[in-house]
Amino acid sequence: MLREIAGPAGLLEALLDEPSPGRRVNQEGLLEHGHGGTFRAAVAFAHPHPQYGGTMHTKVVYQSAKALSRIGCAVLRFNFRGAGRSAGTFSGGPGEMDDFRAGLDFLHDRYPSAPLWAGGMSFGAWIALTVGVEDSRVSTLIGIAPPLSRYDFGAVGRSRKPKFFIQGERDEICPLREMREFYARAAEPKELVVIDTANHLFDGKVIEVAEAIEELLGDWSD
């Protein structure tokens, strides 16, 4: 479903994927909502760095949203300010965090009784997880290929919120060694899936990312 949401710098181009009406994946984990269907969580999902071509249509972002929808989630993905048809200008982080907060507000207003999850890929993982740690409404964090040496993930590592990470074995931006060191220090609960031979963009391995999301979160409930 194509839509726009209100952002602090103007309208943000967005897409909202909802589970099929009546779809039930986990009887105990799903919640009723006011639009005729059932789902278990509302997820805001952030895209990679827009100055390097990242948008809400990036393959991993698209497939991640579809995977989350298949396991019963409503998923909002949107273009950060200045990307695609979104208003505003790229700010390097603070403004994009405000954009992500606007996405969470949209989901909370639309599904007030649903758990909120925050997820993202690369630069978007930094944005989503940083905001998700701070926002008391967010209960679950999903980080794909987080660029750990380029941004501060300290608060994420210390957070006691459930954290799910997906990493490429041959990620050239965030080497697997860095992820393993970060993961070893990170507070529980946490889970990590490493995709064999995958690079930062998971070229040729995107479907495996979607499968990992379904495996990690298919039976997860807050």
N, C-alpha and C. Protein backbone atom coordinates (compact mmCIF):
# COMPACT_ATOMS: atom_id res chain seq x y z
N MET A 1 0.85 -1.19 0.00
CA MET A 1 0.00 0.00 0.00
C MET A 1 0.88 1.25 0.00
N LEU A 2 0.76 2.09 -1.01
CA LEU A 2 1.56 3.30 -1.11
C LEU A 2 0.89 4.42 -0.32
N ARG A 3 1.67 5.13 0.45
CA ARG A 3 1.14 6.26 1.19
C ARG A 3 2.27 7.21 1.54
N GLU A 4 1.91 8.34 2.07
CA GLU A 4 2.87 9.28 2.61
C GLU A 4 2.57 9.45 4.09
N ILE A 5 3.61 9.68 4.86
CA ILE A 5 3.39 9.97 6.27
C ILE A 5 4.00 11.32 6.59
N ALA A 6 3.49 11.96 7.62
CA ALA A 6 3.99 13.27 8.01
C ALA A 6 5.33 13.11 8.71
N GLY A 7 6.32 13.86 8.23
CA GLY A 7 7.64 13.86 8.86
C GLY A 7 7.98 15.25 9.34
N PRO A 8 8.98 15.39 10.18
CA PRO A 8 9.34 16.70 10.73
C PRO A 8 9.87 17.68 9.69
N ALA A 9 10.35 17.16 8.53
CA ALA A 9 10.83 18.04 7.46
C ALA A 9 9.88 18.08 6.28
N GLY A 10 8.69 17.51 6.45
CA GLY A 10 7.71 17.43 5.36
C GLY A 10 7.27 15.99 5.15
N LEU A 11 6.52 15.76 4.09
CA LEU A 11 5.98 14.42 3.84
C LEU A 11 7.09 13.44 3.49
N LEU A 12 6.95 12.22 4.01
CA LEU A 12 7.89 11.14 3.72
C LEU A 12 7.20 10.09 2.86
N GLU A 13 7.82 9.77 1.74
CA GLU A 13 7.31 8.71 0.88
C GLU A 13 7.39 7.38 1.62
N ALA A 14 6.30 6.61 1.62
CA ALA A 14 6.28 5.41 2.46
C ALA A 14 5.46 4.30 1.82
N LEU A 15 5.71 3.09 2.27
CA LEU A 15 4.93 1.91 1.90
C LEU A 15 4.58 1.16 3.17
N LEU A 16 3.34 0.72 3.26
CA LEU A 16 2.87 -0.04 4.41
C LEU A 16 2.42 -1.41 3.93
N ASP A 17 3.09 -2.45 4.41
CA ASP A 17 2.70 -3.82 4.11
C ASP A 17 1.97 -4.39 5.32
N GLU A 18 0.77 -4.90 5.09
CA GLU A 18 0.02 -5.54 6.15
C GLU A 18 -0.22 -7.00 5.81
N PRO A 19 -0.33 -7.87 6.82
CA PRO A 19 -0.68 -9.27 6.55
C PRO A 19 -2.04 -9.35 5.87
N SER A 20 -2.26 -10.43 5.13
CA SER A 20 -3.57 -10.62 4.50
C SER A 20 -4.65 -10.67 5.57
N PRO A 21 -5.83 -10.09 5.30
CA PRO A 21 -6.91 -10.14 6.29
C PRO A 21 -7.19 -11.56 6.74
N GLY A 22 -7.27 -11.72 8.05
CA GLY A 22 -7.61 -13.03 8.61
C GLY A 22 -6.44 -13.97 8.76
N ARG A 23 -5.24 -13.54 8.30
CA ARG A 23 -4.07 -14.43 8.41
C ARG A 23 -3.69 -14.57 9.87
N ARG A 24 -3.51 -15.82 10.33
CA ARG A 24 -3.09 -16.07 11.70
C ARG A 24 -1.87 -16.97 11.67
N VAL A 25 -0.77 -16.47 12.22
CA VAL A 25 0.47 -17.23 12.21
C VAL A 25 0.71 -17.91 13.56
N ASN A 26 0.53 -17.15 14.60
CA ASN A 26 0.71 -17.66 15.96
C ASN A 26 -0.50 -17.20 16.75
N GLN A 27 -1.39 -18.10 17.06
CA GLN A 27 -2.68 -17.74 17.64
C GLN A 27 -2.53 -16.87 18.88
N GLU A 28 -1.54 -17.16 19.70
CA GLU A 28 -1.38 -16.41 20.92
C GLU A 28 -0.66 -15.08 20.71
N GLY A 29 0.17 -15.02 19.67
CA GLY A 29 0.97 -13.83 19.47
C GLY A 29 0.31 -12.76 18.65
N LEU A 30 -0.74 -13.06 17.91
CA LEU A 30 -1.37 -12.11 17.02
C LEU A 30 -2.37 -11.22 17.75
N LEU A 31 -2.49 -9.98 17.26
CA LEU A 31 -3.43 -9.03 17.83
C LEU A 31 -4.45 -8.63 16.78
N GLU A 32 -5.68 -8.36 17.21
CA GLU A 32 -6.68 -7.83 16.30
C GLU A 32 -6.40 -6.34 16.09
N HIS A 33 -6.66 -5.84 14.87
CA HIS A 33 -6.60 -4.40 14.67
C HIS A 33 -7.85 -3.94 13.95
N GLY A 34 -7.98 -2.63 13.79
CA GLY A 34 -9.23 -2.06 13.32
C GLY A 34 -9.39 -2.02 11.82
N HIS A 35 -8.58 -2.76 11.07
CA HIS A 35 -8.65 -2.70 9.62
C HIS A 35 -8.97 -4.05 9.01
N GLY A 36 -9.58 -4.94 9.82
CA GLY A 36 -10.11 -6.16 9.26
C GLY A 36 -9.18 -7.34 9.25
N GLY A 37 -7.95 -7.20 9.75
CA GLY A 37 -7.01 -8.31 9.73
C GLY A 37 -6.48 -8.62 11.11
N THR A 38 -5.46 -9.44 11.16
CA THR A 38 -4.83 -9.79 12.42
C THR A 38 -3.32 -9.71 12.24
N PHE A 39 -2.62 -9.28 13.29
CA PHE A 39 -1.18 -9.25 13.20
C PHE A 39 -0.60 -9.26 14.60
N ARG A 40 0.69 -9.48 14.67
CA ARG A 40 1.35 -9.64 15.96
C ARG A 40 2.24 -8.49 16.36
N ALA A 41 2.68 -7.65 15.42
CA ALA A 41 3.51 -6.50 15.75
C ALA A 41 3.47 -5.50 14.60
N ALA A 42 3.81 -4.25 14.91
CA ALA A 42 3.97 -3.21 13.90
C ALA A 42 5.44 -2.85 13.86
N VAL A 43 6.03 -2.88 12.67
CA VAL A 43 7.49 -2.73 12.52
C VAL A 43 7.81 -1.53 11.63
N ALA A 44 8.65 -0.63 12.13
CA ALA A 44 9.23 0.42 11.29
C ALA A 44 10.60 -0.08 10.84
N PHE A 45 10.86 -0.02 9.52
CA PHE A 45 12.09 -0.59 8.97
C PHE A 45 12.82 0.47 8.15
N ALA A 46 14.09 0.73 8.49
CA ALA A 46 14.85 1.82 7.89
C ALA A 46 15.85 1.33 6.85
N HIS A 47 16.07 2.15 5.82
CA HIS A 47 16.91 1.75 4.69
C HIS A 47 18.36 2.22 4.85
N PRO A 48 19.28 1.69 4.02
CA PRO A 48 20.69 2.08 4.09
C PRO A 48 20.92 3.55 3.71
N HIS A 49 22.17 3.94 3.78
CA HIS A 49 22.58 5.33 3.58
C HIS A 49 22.10 5.85 2.22
N PRO A 50 21.29 6.92 2.23
CA PRO A 50 20.73 7.42 0.96
C PRO A 50 21.79 8.02 0.03
N GLN A 51 22.89 8.48 0.57
CA GLN A 51 23.92 9.06 -0.29
C GLN A 51 24.75 8.00 -1.01
N TYR A 52 24.51 6.74 -0.67
CA TYR A 52 25.15 5.62 -1.37
C TYR A 52 24.12 4.73 -2.05
N GLY A 53 22.96 5.32 -2.32
CA GLY A 53 21.94 4.63 -3.09
C GLY A 53 20.88 3.90 -2.29
N GLY A 54 20.92 3.99 -0.97
CA GLY A 54 19.93 3.30 -0.16
C GLY A 54 18.56 3.97 -0.21
N THR A 55 17.52 3.18 -0.39
CA THR A 55 16.14 3.66 -0.35
C THR A 55 15.27 2.56 0.25
N MET A 56 14.00 2.86 0.39
CA MET A 56 13.07 1.86 0.92
C MET A 56 12.86 0.71 -0.06
N HIS A 57 13.38 0.87 -1.31
CA HIS A 57 13.27 -0.20 -2.31
C HIS A 57 14.53 -1.06 -2.39
N THR A 58 15.55 -0.76 -1.59
CA THR A 58 16.75 -1.60 -1.55
C THR A 58 16.32 -3.05 -1.35
N LYS A 59 16.97 -3.97 -2.06
CA LYS A 59 16.50 -5.35 -2.09
C LYS A 59 16.34 -5.98 -0.71
N VAL A 60 17.33 -5.78 0.14
CA VAL A 60 17.24 -6.37 1.48
C VAL A 60 16.09 -5.77 2.27
N VAL A 61 15.88 -4.47 2.13
CA VAL A 61 14.78 -3.82 2.83
C VAL A 61 13.44 -4.36 2.34
N TYR A 62 13.31 -4.47 1.02
CA TYR A 62 12.07 -5.00 0.43
C TYR A 62 11.81 -6.42 0.92
N GLN A 63 12.81 -7.28 0.82
CA GLN A 63 12.60 -8.68 1.20
C GLN A 63 12.40 -8.83 2.70
N SER A 64 13.04 -7.99 3.49
CA SER A 64 12.83 -8.03 4.94
C SER A 64 11.41 -7.66 5.29
N ALA A 65 10.89 -6.63 4.63
CA ALA A 65 9.51 -6.22 4.88
C ALA A 65 8.54 -7.32 4.51
N LYS A 66 8.78 -7.97 3.38
CA LYS A 66 7.89 -9.05 2.96
C LYS A 66 7.97 -10.23 3.93
N ALA A 67 9.18 -10.54 4.42
CA ALA A 67 9.33 -11.64 5.37
C ALA A 67 8.59 -11.33 6.67
N LEU A 68 8.72 -10.12 7.16
CA LEU A 68 8.02 -9.74 8.39
C LEU A 68 6.50 -9.78 8.19
N SER A 69 6.06 -9.36 7.01
CA SER A 69 4.63 -9.43 6.72
C SER A 69 4.15 -10.87 6.70
N ARG A 70 4.97 -11.76 6.15
CA ARG A 70 4.57 -13.18 6.09
C ARG A 70 4.42 -13.81 7.47
N ILE A 71 5.16 -13.31 8.45
CA ILE A 71 5.03 -13.89 9.79
C ILE A 71 4.02 -13.13 10.64
N GLY A 72 3.26 -12.24 9.98
CA GLY A 72 2.13 -11.62 10.67
C GLY A 72 2.33 -10.22 11.16
N CYS A 73 3.31 -9.49 10.61
CA CYS A 73 3.58 -8.12 11.04
C CYS A 73 3.07 -7.10 10.02
N ALA A 74 2.68 -5.94 10.51
CA ALA A 74 2.48 -4.78 9.65
C ALA A 74 3.81 -4.04 9.59
N VAL A 75 4.28 -3.72 8.38
CA VAL A 75 5.64 -3.17 8.22
C VAL A 75 5.58 -1.85 7.46
N LEU A 76 6.13 -0.83 8.07
CA LEU A 76 6.26 0.48 7.43
C LEU A 76 7.71 0.69 7.02
N ARG A 77 7.92 0.92 5.71
CA ARG A 77 9.23 1.36 5.23
C ARG A 77 9.01 2.69 4.53
N PHE A 78 9.99 3.55 4.63
CA PHE A 78 9.83 4.90 4.09
C PHE A 78 11.18 5.43 3.67
N ASN A 79 11.16 6.42 2.80
CA ASN A 79 12.40 7.08 2.39
C ASN A 79 12.73 8.20 3.37
N PHE A 80 13.97 8.21 3.84
CA PHE A 80 14.41 9.30 4.69
C PHE A 80 14.32 10.63 3.95
N ARG A 81 14.34 11.69 4.69
CA ARG A 81 14.29 13.05 4.11
C ARG A 81 15.32 13.18 2.98
N GLY A 82 14.84 13.73 1.86
CA GLY A 82 15.72 13.95 0.71
C GLY A 82 15.90 12.77 -0.20
N ALA A 83 15.41 11.60 0.19
CA ALA A 83 15.52 10.40 -0.65
C ALA A 83 14.20 10.17 -1.38
N GLY A 84 14.28 9.71 -2.63
CA GLY A 84 13.05 9.48 -3.39
C GLY A 84 12.20 10.73 -3.44
N ARG A 85 10.93 10.59 -3.10
CA ARG A 85 10.01 11.73 -3.12
C ARG A 85 9.79 12.32 -1.73
N SER A 86 10.64 11.97 -0.78
CA SER A 86 10.50 12.53 0.57
C SER A 86 11.06 13.95 0.62
N ALA A 87 10.37 14.81 1.34
CA ALA A 87 10.79 16.20 1.49
C ALA A 87 12.01 16.29 2.39
N GLY A 88 12.71 17.42 2.29
CA GLY A 88 13.82 17.69 3.18
C GLY A 88 15.17 17.38 2.57
N THR A 89 16.20 17.48 3.40
CA THR A 89 17.59 17.28 2.99
C THR A 89 18.29 16.37 3.97
N PHE A 90 19.10 15.47 3.46
CA PHE A 90 19.84 14.52 4.30
C PHE A 90 20.63 15.26 5.37
N SER A 91 20.59 14.76 6.62
CA SER A 91 21.24 15.46 7.73
C SER A 91 22.39 14.68 8.36
N GLY A 92 22.61 13.44 7.94
CA GLY A 92 23.70 12.67 8.49
C GLY A 92 23.38 11.91 9.76
N GLY A 93 22.13 11.91 10.16
CA GLY A 93 21.76 11.12 11.34
C GLY A 93 20.66 11.71 12.20
N PRO A 94 20.85 12.91 12.76
CA PRO A 94 19.81 13.45 13.66
C PRO A 94 18.45 13.61 13.01
N GLY A 95 18.42 14.15 11.81
CA GLY A 95 17.14 14.33 11.13
C GLY A 95 16.51 13.01 10.75
N GLU A 96 17.34 12.05 10.34
CA GLU A 96 16.83 10.73 9.98
C GLU A 96 16.27 10.01 11.21
N MET A 97 16.86 10.26 12.38
CA MET A 97 16.29 9.69 13.60
C MET A 97 14.92 10.30 13.88
N ASP A 98 14.79 11.60 13.61
CA ASP A 98 13.47 12.23 13.77
C ASP A 98 12.47 11.64 12.78
N ASP A 99 12.92 11.36 11.56
CA ASP A 99 12.05 10.71 10.57
C ASP A 99 11.58 9.35 11.09
N PHE A 100 12.52 8.59 11.67
CA PHE A 100 12.16 7.26 12.17
C PHE A 100 11.17 7.37 13.33
N ARG A 101 11.36 8.37 14.19
CA ARG A 101 10.39 8.59 15.27
C ARG A 101 9.01 8.88 14.71
N ALA A 102 8.96 9.63 13.61
CA ALA A 102 7.67 9.91 12.96
C ALA A 102 7.04 8.62 12.46
N GLY A 103 7.88 7.69 11.94
CA GLY A 103 7.36 6.40 11.50
C GLY A 103 6.78 5.60 12.66
N LEU A 104 7.47 5.61 13.79
CA LEU A 104 6.95 4.90 14.97
C LEU A 104 5.65 5.54 15.44
N ASP A 105 5.58 6.88 15.41
CA ASP A 105 4.35 7.56 15.81
C ASP A 105 3.19 7.16 14.91
N PHE A 106 3.46 7.09 13.61
CA PHE A 106 2.42 6.68 12.66
C PHE A 106 1.90 5.29 13.00
N LEU A 107 2.80 4.36 13.23
CA LEU A 107 2.40 2.99 13.54
C LEU A 107 1.65 2.91 14.87
N HIS A 108 2.13 3.64 15.86
CA HIS A 108 1.46 3.60 17.16
C HIS A 108 0.05 4.17 17.07
N ASP A 109 -0.12 5.24 16.29
CA ASP A 109 -1.45 5.82 16.13
C ASP A 109 -2.38 4.87 15.38
N ARG A 110 -1.84 4.17 14.39
CA ARG A 110 -2.67 3.28 13.58
C ARG A 110 -2.98 1.97 14.31
N TYR A 111 -2.03 1.48 15.09
CA TYR A 111 -2.21 0.21 15.80
C TYR A 111 -1.87 0.40 17.28
N PRO A 112 -2.69 1.10 18.02
CA PRO A 112 -2.33 1.49 19.38
C PRO A 112 -2.12 0.33 20.35
N SER A 113 -2.68 -0.84 20.06
CA SER A 113 -2.52 -1.97 20.98
C SER A 113 -1.40 -2.92 20.58
N ALA A 114 -0.71 -2.63 19.48
CA ALA A 114 0.29 -3.57 18.95
C ALA A 114 1.67 -3.32 19.55
N PRO A 115 2.46 -4.37 19.74
CA PRO A 115 3.88 -4.18 20.04
C PRO A 115 4.56 -3.46 18.88
N LEU A 116 5.51 -2.60 19.19
CA LEU A 116 6.28 -1.89 18.16
C LEU A 116 7.68 -2.49 18.09
N TRP A 117 8.13 -2.80 16.88
CA TRP A 117 9.48 -3.28 16.64
C TRP A 117 10.19 -2.27 15.76
N ALA A 118 11.51 -2.13 15.96
CA ALA A 118 12.34 -1.22 15.15
C ALA A 118 13.42 -2.02 14.45
N GLY A 119 13.52 -1.84 13.12
CA GLY A 119 14.51 -2.58 12.36
C GLY A 119 15.12 -1.74 11.26
N GLY A 120 16.27 -2.16 10.78
CA GLY A 120 16.89 -1.44 9.68
C GLY A 120 18.13 -2.15 9.18
N MET A 121 18.61 -1.67 8.03
CA MET A 121 19.80 -2.23 7.40
C MET A 121 20.89 -1.18 7.31
N SER A 122 22.12 -1.55 7.67
CA SER A 122 23.30 -0.71 7.54
C SER A 122 23.08 0.63 8.25
N PHE A 123 23.25 1.75 7.58
CA PHE A 123 22.97 3.06 8.19
C PHE A 123 21.59 3.06 8.84
N GLY A 124 20.62 2.42 8.19
CA GLY A 124 19.28 2.34 8.75
C GLY A 124 19.22 1.55 10.04
N ALA A 125 20.14 0.57 10.20
CA ALA A 125 20.19 -0.17 11.46
C ALA A 125 20.63 0.74 12.59
N TRP A 126 21.62 1.60 12.32
CA TRP A 126 22.05 2.55 13.35
C TRP A 126 20.90 3.47 13.74
N ILE A 127 20.20 4.01 12.74
CA ILE A 127 19.08 4.89 13.02
C ILE A 127 18.00 4.17 13.82
N ALA A 128 17.56 3.03 13.32
CA ALA A 128 16.43 2.32 13.91
C ALA A 128 16.74 1.82 15.32
N LEU A 129 17.92 1.23 15.50
CA LEU A 129 18.24 0.66 16.80
C LEU A 129 18.51 1.75 17.83
N THR A 130 19.14 2.84 17.42
CA THR A 130 19.38 3.95 18.36
C THR A 130 18.06 4.53 18.84
N VAL A 131 17.15 4.80 17.91
CA VAL A 131 15.84 5.32 18.30
C VAL A 131 15.05 4.28 19.08
N GLY A 132 15.14 3.03 18.64
CA GLY A 132 14.39 1.96 19.30
C GLY A 132 14.79 1.74 20.74
N VAL A 133 16.09 1.90 21.04
CA VAL A 133 16.55 1.77 22.42
C VAL A 133 15.93 2.87 23.30
N GLU A 134 15.84 4.08 22.74
CA GLU A 134 15.37 5.22 23.52
C GLU A 134 13.85 5.24 23.70
N ASP A 135 13.12 4.67 22.76
CA ASP A 135 11.66 4.75 22.75
C ASP A 135 11.08 3.61 23.58
N SER A 136 10.40 3.95 24.66
CA SER A 136 9.86 2.93 25.56
C SER A 136 8.77 2.09 24.90
N ARG A 137 8.19 2.57 23.81
CA ARG A 137 7.14 1.81 23.12
C ARG A 137 7.73 0.65 22.32
N VAL A 138 9.00 0.73 21.96
CA VAL A 138 9.65 -0.28 21.11
C VAL A 138 10.13 -1.43 21.99
N SER A 139 9.72 -2.64 21.63
CA SER A 139 10.04 -3.80 22.45
C SER A 139 11.08 -4.73 21.83
N THR A 140 11.31 -4.65 20.50
CA THR A 140 12.21 -5.58 19.82
C THR A 140 13.03 -4.83 18.78
N LEU A 141 14.32 -5.19 18.66
CA LEU A 141 15.24 -4.51 17.75
C LEU A 141 15.79 -5.50 16.73
N ILE A 142 15.84 -5.07 15.45
CA ILE A 142 16.32 -5.92 14.37
C ILE A 142 17.38 -5.16 13.58
N GLY A 143 18.61 -5.65 13.58
CA GLY A 143 19.70 -4.97 12.89
C GLY A 143 20.33 -5.86 11.83
N ILE A 144 20.33 -5.40 10.58
CA ILE A 144 20.93 -6.14 9.48
C ILE A 144 22.17 -5.39 9.02
N ALA A 145 23.31 -6.05 9.05
CA ALA A 145 24.59 -5.47 8.62
C ALA A 145 24.86 -4.11 9.26
N PRO A 146 24.79 -4.02 10.58
CA PRO A 146 25.04 -2.73 11.23
C PRO A 146 26.51 -2.31 11.09
N PRO A 147 26.77 -1.07 10.65
CA PRO A 147 28.16 -0.60 10.48
C PRO A 147 28.75 -0.18 11.82
N LEU A 148 29.21 -1.15 12.59
CA LEU A 148 29.55 -0.95 13.99
C LEU A 148 30.71 0.01 14.21
N SER A 149 31.68 0.04 13.30
CA SER A 149 32.84 0.91 13.49
C SER A 149 32.60 2.33 12.98
N ARG A 150 31.51 2.56 12.28
CA ARG A 150 31.26 3.87 11.69
C ARG A 150 30.32 4.73 12.53
N TYR A 151 29.54 4.10 13.39
CA TYR A 151 28.58 4.81 14.22
C TYR A 151 28.60 4.24 15.63
N ASP A 152 28.02 4.97 16.56
CA ASP A 152 28.02 4.57 17.96
C ASP A 152 26.84 3.64 18.25
N PHE A 153 27.15 2.38 18.50
CA PHE A 153 26.13 1.40 18.85
C PHE A 153 26.21 1.02 20.34
N GLY A 154 26.88 1.86 21.13
CA GLY A 154 27.06 1.55 22.54
C GLY A 154 25.75 1.35 23.30
N ALA A 155 24.81 2.26 23.10
CA ALA A 155 23.53 2.15 23.80
C ALA A 155 22.77 0.91 23.36
N VAL A 156 22.93 0.54 22.10
CA VAL A 156 22.27 -0.66 21.58
C VAL A 156 22.82 -1.90 22.29
N GLY A 157 24.13 -1.96 22.39
CA GLY A 157 24.75 -3.11 23.03
C GLY A 157 24.36 -3.24 24.50
N ARG A 158 24.17 -2.11 25.18
CA ARG A 158 23.81 -2.14 26.60
C ARG A 158 22.34 -2.40 26.84
N SER A 159 21.52 -2.22 25.82
CA SER A 159 20.07 -2.34 26.00
C SER A 159 19.66 -3.76 26.36
N ARG A 160 18.69 -3.88 27.25
CA ARG A 160 18.14 -5.18 27.63
C ARG A 160 16.96 -5.59 26.76
N LYS A 161 16.66 -4.78 25.75
CA LYS A 161 15.61 -5.17 24.81
C LYS A 161 16.11 -6.31 23.93
N PRO A 162 15.23 -7.22 23.53
CA PRO A 162 15.65 -8.31 22.62
C PRO A 162 16.22 -7.75 21.32
N LYS A 163 17.36 -8.29 20.93
CA LYS A 163 18.08 -7.80 19.76
C LYS A 163 18.35 -8.97 18.81
N PHE A 164 18.00 -8.78 17.54
CA PHE A 164 18.21 -9.80 16.51
C PHE A 164 19.09 -9.20 15.42
N PHE A 165 20.21 -9.88 15.13
CA PHE A 165 21.17 -9.38 14.15
C PHE A 165 21.35 -10.39 13.01
N ILE A 166 21.50 -9.86 11.79
CA ILE A 166 21.81 -10.67 10.62
C ILE A 166 23.03 -10.05 9.97
N GLN A 167 24.05 -10.87 9.71
CA GLN A 167 25.35 -10.37 9.27
C GLN A 167 25.88 -11.23 8.13
N GLY A 168 26.51 -10.59 7.17
CA GLY A 168 27.18 -11.32 6.10
C GLY A 168 28.56 -11.77 6.52
N GLU A 169 28.91 -12.98 6.18
CA GLU A 169 30.22 -13.52 6.56
C GLU A 169 31.37 -12.69 5.99
N ARG A 170 31.19 -12.13 4.78
CA ARG A 170 32.24 -11.38 4.11
C ARG A 170 31.88 -9.90 3.97
N ASP A 171 31.17 -9.38 4.96
CA ASP A 171 30.79 -7.96 4.96
C ASP A 171 32.05 -7.10 4.97
N GLU A 172 32.19 -6.27 3.94
CA GLU A 172 33.37 -5.43 3.81
C GLU A 172 33.24 -4.12 4.60
N ILE A 173 32.03 -3.77 5.01
CA ILE A 173 31.79 -2.55 5.79
C ILE A 173 31.84 -2.84 7.28
N CYS A 174 31.23 -3.92 7.67
CA CYS A 174 31.26 -4.37 9.06
C CYS A 174 31.82 -5.79 9.09
N PRO A 175 33.14 -5.94 9.21
CA PRO A 175 33.72 -7.28 9.21
C PRO A 175 33.09 -8.16 10.29
N LEU A 176 33.00 -9.42 9.97
CA LEU A 176 32.38 -10.37 10.90
C LEU A 176 33.08 -10.36 12.26
N ARG A 177 34.38 -10.16 12.27
CA ARG A 177 35.11 -10.09 13.54
C ARG A 177 34.55 -9.00 14.44
N GLU A 178 34.26 -7.82 13.85
CA GLU A 178 33.70 -6.73 14.64
C GLU A 178 32.33 -7.10 15.19
N MET A 179 31.52 -7.75 14.37
CA MET A 179 30.21 -8.16 14.84
C MET A 179 30.32 -9.17 15.98
N ARG A 180 31.20 -10.12 15.84
CA ARG A 180 31.34 -11.13 16.90
C ARG A 180 31.82 -10.50 18.20
N GLU A 181 32.72 -9.52 18.12
CA GLU A 181 33.19 -8.84 19.32
C GLU A 181 32.07 -8.03 19.96
N PHE A 182 31.32 -7.30 19.14
CA PHE A 182 30.18 -6.53 19.64
C PHE A 182 29.13 -7.46 20.26
N TYR A 183 28.83 -8.53 19.55
CA TYR A 183 27.80 -9.45 20.01
C TYR A 183 28.19 -10.10 21.34
N ALA A 184 29.44 -10.41 21.50
CA ALA A 184 29.90 -11.03 22.76
C ALA A 184 29.70 -10.09 23.94
N ARG A 185 29.82 -8.78 23.71
CA ARG A 185 29.65 -7.80 24.79
C ARG A 185 28.20 -7.42 25.01
N ALA A 186 27.36 -7.59 23.99
CA ALA A 186 25.98 -7.10 24.05
C ALA A 186 25.18 -7.82 25.12
N ALA A 187 24.28 -7.07 25.73
CA ALA A 187 23.43 -7.62 26.78
C ALA A 187 22.43 -8.60 26.19
N GLU A 188 22.05 -9.58 26.97
CA GLU A 188 20.97 -10.49 26.61
C GLU A 188 19.63 -9.76 26.77
N PRO A 189 18.59 -10.25 26.09
CA PRO A 189 18.55 -11.34 25.11
C PRO A 189 19.02 -10.88 23.73
N LYS A 190 19.59 -11.82 22.97
CA LYS A 190 20.15 -11.47 21.67
C LYS A 190 20.26 -12.73 20.83
N GLU A 191 20.22 -12.54 19.51
CA GLU A 191 20.41 -13.65 18.57
C GLU A 191 21.17 -13.11 17.36
N LEU A 192 22.01 -13.95 16.77
CA LEU A 192 22.79 -13.57 15.60
C LEU A 192 22.75 -14.68 14.57
N VAL A 193 22.45 -14.31 13.31
CA VAL A 193 22.55 -15.24 12.18
C VAL A 193 23.59 -14.70 11.22
N VAL A 194 24.55 -15.54 10.83
CA VAL A 194 25.58 -15.17 9.86
C VAL A 194 25.26 -15.86 8.54
N ILE A 195 25.17 -15.07 7.46
CA ILE A 195 24.88 -15.60 6.13
C ILE A 195 26.21 -15.93 5.44
N ASP A 196 26.40 -17.19 5.12
CA ASP A 196 27.67 -17.65 4.53
C ASP A 196 28.00 -16.89 3.25
N THR A 197 29.24 -16.46 3.13
CA THR A 197 29.86 -15.81 1.96
C THR A 197 29.19 -14.49 1.56
N ALA A 198 28.24 -13.98 2.33
CA ALA A 198 27.52 -12.76 1.94
C ALA A 198 28.33 -11.51 2.19
N ASN A 199 28.24 -10.54 1.26
CA ASN A 199 28.88 -9.25 1.45
C ASN A 199 27.91 -8.29 2.15
N HIS A 200 28.28 -7.00 2.20
CA HIS A 200 27.47 -6.04 2.94
C HIS A 200 26.06 -5.90 2.38
N LEU A 201 25.94 -5.97 1.05
CA LEU A 201 24.62 -5.82 0.42
C LEU A 201 23.91 -7.16 0.21
N PHE A 202 24.55 -8.24 0.65
CA PHE A 202 23.99 -9.58 0.52
C PHE A 202 23.67 -9.91 -0.94
N ASP A 203 24.57 -9.48 -1.84
CA ASP A 203 24.37 -9.77 -3.26
C ASP A 203 24.24 -11.28 -3.47
N GLY A 204 23.17 -11.68 -4.12
CA GLY A 204 22.92 -13.09 -4.37
C GLY A 204 22.45 -13.86 -3.15
N LYS A 205 22.29 -13.18 -2.02
CA LYS A 205 21.94 -13.84 -0.77
C LYS A 205 20.72 -13.19 -0.10
N VAL A 206 20.02 -12.34 -0.83
CA VAL A 206 18.93 -11.57 -0.22
C VAL A 206 17.82 -12.48 0.31
N ILE A 207 17.50 -13.51 -0.43
CA ILE A 207 16.45 -14.42 0.02
C ILE A 207 16.85 -15.11 1.32
N GLU A 208 18.13 -15.34 1.50
CA GLU A 208 18.59 -15.95 2.75
C GLU A 208 18.39 -15.01 3.93
N VAL A 209 18.48 -13.70 3.69
CA VAL A 209 18.18 -12.74 4.75
C VAL A 209 16.71 -12.86 5.15
N ALA A 210 15.82 -12.92 4.16
CA ALA A 210 14.40 -13.06 4.46
C ALA A 210 14.12 -14.35 5.22
N GLU A 211 14.78 -15.42 4.81
CA GLU A 211 14.59 -16.70 5.51
C GLU A 211 15.09 -16.61 6.95
N ALA A 212 16.19 -15.89 7.16
CA ALA A 212 16.72 -15.73 8.51
C ALA A 212 15.75 -14.95 9.39
N ILE A 213 15.13 -13.92 8.83
CA ILE A 213 14.13 -13.16 9.59
C ILE A 213 12.98 -14.04 10.01
N GLU A 214 12.50 -14.85 9.08
CA GLU A 214 11.38 -15.73 9.42
C GLU A 214 11.79 -16.75 10.47
N GLU A 215 13.03 -17.25 10.38
CA GLU A 215 13.50 -18.22 11.35
C GLU A 215 13.67 -17.60 12.73
N LEU A 216 14.25 -16.40 12.79
CA LEU A 216 14.50 -15.73 14.06
C LEU A 216 13.21 -15.27 14.73
N LEU A 217 12.31 -14.73 13.95
CA LEU A 217 11.18 -14.01 14.51
C LEU A 217 9.83 -14.69 14.27
N GLY A 218 9.83 -15.79 13.53
CA GLY A 218 8.57 -16.46 13.20
C GLY A 218 7.77 -16.89 14.41
N ASP A 219 8.44 -17.29 15.46
CA ASP A 219 7.76 -17.73 16.67
C ASP A 219 7.96 -16.77 17.84
N TRP A 220 8.57 -15.61 17.54
CA TRP A 220 8.87 -14.66 18.60
C TRP A 220 7.62 -13.87 18.99
N SER A 221 7.43 -13.68 20.28
CA SER A 221 6.36 -12.82 20.76
C SER A 221 6.87 -12.07 21.99
N ASP A 222 6.42 -10.84 22.16
CA ASP A 222 6.89 -10.02 23.27
C ASP A 222 6.29 -10.48 24.59
